[in-house]
Amino acid sequence: MRGETCQIYSAPFDLRFPKNSNEDDEIQDEVQPDSCVICDPDKLDDRGCIGASGLIVEILSPGNSKTELKHKFELYESNGVWEYWIIHAETQDLLIYILTRGKFIPGNVLFGKFKSIKKTDYL
């Protein structure tokens, strides 16, 4: 994202993932992440963003289900989101996933109020 003009957007802001074209009737999935960074202004319209953003941040709360988390993880990965950050509100842990060759690879994990950084291979 360095060297690009990027903007941060927060919910309510729609990310729409089209099946074959950018027409509204071809939109297959629509989500509202807590925050996202858009680096391609051509993806923006009056309803939000069509296609993958550079970075998505989700803040988990007790109301988030594992099914919802798994669906979004797979949706963002398959649509080419560059980075996906998941913040656990209760523990204040931060999980960072980086898209590498089409798959999210766990990056750093920051534990409890981001005081320590650890690399992990078990996420």
Protein backbone atom coordinates (compact mmCIF):
# COMPACT_ATOMS: atom_id res chain seq x y z
CA MET A 1 0.00 0.00 0.00
CA ARG A 2 3.02 2.26 0.18
CA GLY A 3 3.06 4.92 -2.49
CA GLU A 4 -0.69 4.63 -3.07
CA THR A 5 -3.42 7.03 -2.09
CA CYS A 6 -5.49 5.17 0.47
CA GLN A 7 -8.55 6.06 2.54
CA ILE A 8 -9.88 4.54 5.76
CA TYR A 9 -13.59 3.74 5.95
CA SER A 10 -15.54 2.57 9.00
CA ALA A 11 -18.91 0.86 9.39
CA PRO A 12 -21.45 1.40 8.13
CA PHE A 13 -19.60 0.96 4.84
CA ASP A 14 -20.40 -1.85 2.40
CA LEU A 15 -17.87 -4.09 0.70
CA ARG A 16 -19.54 -5.84 -2.22
CA PHE A 17 -17.95 -8.80 -3.95
CA PRO A 18 -19.23 -9.42 -7.48
CA LYS A 19 -19.50 -12.83 -9.08
CA ASN A 20 -18.70 -11.92 -12.70
CA SER A 21 -19.20 -8.17 -13.13
CA ASN A 22 -19.61 -5.04 -11.05
CA GLU A 23 -23.34 -4.78 -11.80
CA ASP A 24 -25.54 -4.86 -8.69
CA ASP A 25 -27.38 -7.96 -9.88
CA GLU A 26 -24.02 -9.79 -10.02
CA ILE A 27 -23.06 -9.00 -6.41
CA GLN A 28 -22.68 -12.31 -4.63
CA ASP A 29 -21.58 -11.22 -1.14
CA GLU A 30 -21.95 -7.99 0.80
CA VAL A 31 -20.36 -7.34 4.20
CA GLN A 32 -19.70 -4.43 6.54
CA PRO A 33 -16.30 -4.72 8.20
CA ASP A 34 -15.58 -2.54 11.21
CA SER A 35 -12.87 -0.70 9.25
CA CYS A 36 -11.19 -1.06 5.90
CA VAL A 37 -8.56 0.68 3.83
CA ILE A 38 -9.32 1.30 0.15
CA CYS A 39 -6.38 2.15 -2.10
CA ASP A 40 -8.16 2.07 -5.47
CA PRO A 41 -10.63 4.96 -5.81
CA ASP A 42 -12.10 3.33 -8.94
CA LYS A 43 -13.64 0.68 -6.67
CA LEU A 44 -15.71 3.28 -4.80
CA ASP A 45 -19.29 4.20 -5.58
CA ASP A 46 -22.19 5.77 -3.70
CA ARG A 47 -22.88 2.47 -1.87
CA GLY A 48 -19.33 1.66 -0.75
CA CYS A 49 -16.63 -0.47 -2.40
CA ILE A 50 -16.88 -3.09 -5.11
CA GLY A 51 -14.15 -5.69 -4.71
CA ALA A 52 -11.32 -6.29 -2.29
CA SER A 53 -9.81 -3.61 -0.11
CA GLY A 54 -6.19 -3.38 0.96
CA LEU A 55 -6.81 -3.98 4.66
CA ILE A 56 -9.83 -5.12 6.64
CA VAL A 57 -10.15 -4.83 10.41
CA GLU A 58 -12.80 -6.76 12.34
CA ILE A 59 -13.38 -6.27 16.06
CA LEU A 60 -14.81 -9.39 17.61
CA SER A 61 -17.43 -9.18 20.31
CA PRO A 62 -19.34 -11.89 22.16
CA GLY A 63 -22.06 -11.59 19.48
CA ASN A 64 -19.73 -12.65 16.66
CA SER A 65 -20.08 -16.30 15.77
CA LYS A 66 -17.32 -18.64 14.66
CA THR A 67 -19.40 -19.30 11.53
CA GLU A 68 -19.46 -15.57 10.70
CA LEU A 69 -15.72 -15.31 11.30
CA LYS A 70 -14.98 -18.34 9.11
CA HIS A 71 -17.24 -17.02 6.32
CA LYS A 72 -15.56 -13.60 6.31
CA PHE A 73 -12.07 -15.12 6.49
CA GLU A 74 -12.79 -17.29 3.42
CA LEU A 75 -14.58 -14.44 1.61
CA TYR A 76 -11.73 -11.98 2.12
CA GLU A 77 -9.08 -14.55 1.23
CA SER A 78 -10.83 -15.69 -1.96
CA ASN A 79 -11.42 -12.10 -3.11
CA GLY A 80 -7.82 -10.94 -2.66
CA VAL A 81 -7.88 -8.76 0.47
CA TRP A 82 -4.20 -7.99 1.16
CA GLU A 83 -4.34 -7.97 4.97
CA TYR A 84 -6.99 -9.06 7.45
CA TRP A 85 -6.72 -7.99 11.09
CA ILE A 86 -8.91 -9.52 13.79
CA ILE A 87 -9.08 -7.80 17.15
CA HIS A 88 -10.55 -9.68 20.12
CA ALA A 89 -12.29 -6.95 22.12
CA GLU A 90 -12.25 -8.85 25.43
CA THR A 91 -8.59 -9.92 25.43
CA GLN A 92 -7.34 -7.10 23.18
CA ASP A 93 -5.34 -9.62 21.13
CA LEU A 94 -4.66 -8.76 17.49
CA LEU A 95 -4.31 -11.48 14.83
CA ILE A 96 -2.80 -10.39 11.52
CA TYR A 97 -3.21 -12.39 8.31
CA ILE A 98 -1.31 -11.48 5.13
CA LEU A 99 -2.37 -12.69 1.69
CA THR A 100 0.46 -14.69 0.13
CA ARG A 101 -0.01 -16.52 -3.17
CA GLY A 102 -3.79 -16.40 -2.74
CA LYS A 103 -3.88 -17.69 0.85
CA PHE A 104 -3.91 -15.92 4.20
CA ILE A 105 -0.74 -16.65 6.13
CA PRO A 106 -0.66 -15.83 9.85
CA GLY A 107 1.55 -12.86 10.54
CA ASN A 108 2.31 -11.39 13.93
CA VAL A 109 0.05 -11.83 16.91
CA LEU A 110 -0.03 -9.04 19.44
CA PHE A 111 -1.23 -10.14 22.85
CA GLY A 112 -3.17 -8.20 25.49
CA LYS A 113 -3.13 -4.47 24.81
CA PHE A 114 -0.44 -5.09 22.22
CA LYS A 115 2.38 -5.24 24.77
CA SER A 116 4.21 -8.17 23.22
CA ILE A 117 4.61 -9.49 19.72
CA LYS A 118 4.89 -13.17 18.91
CA LYS A 119 5.09 -15.03 15.64
CA THR A 120 2.83 -18.06 15.46
CA ASP A 121 2.23 -20.94 13.14
CA TYR A 122 -0.83 -22.42 14.81
CA LEU A 123 -3.56 -19.95 13.78
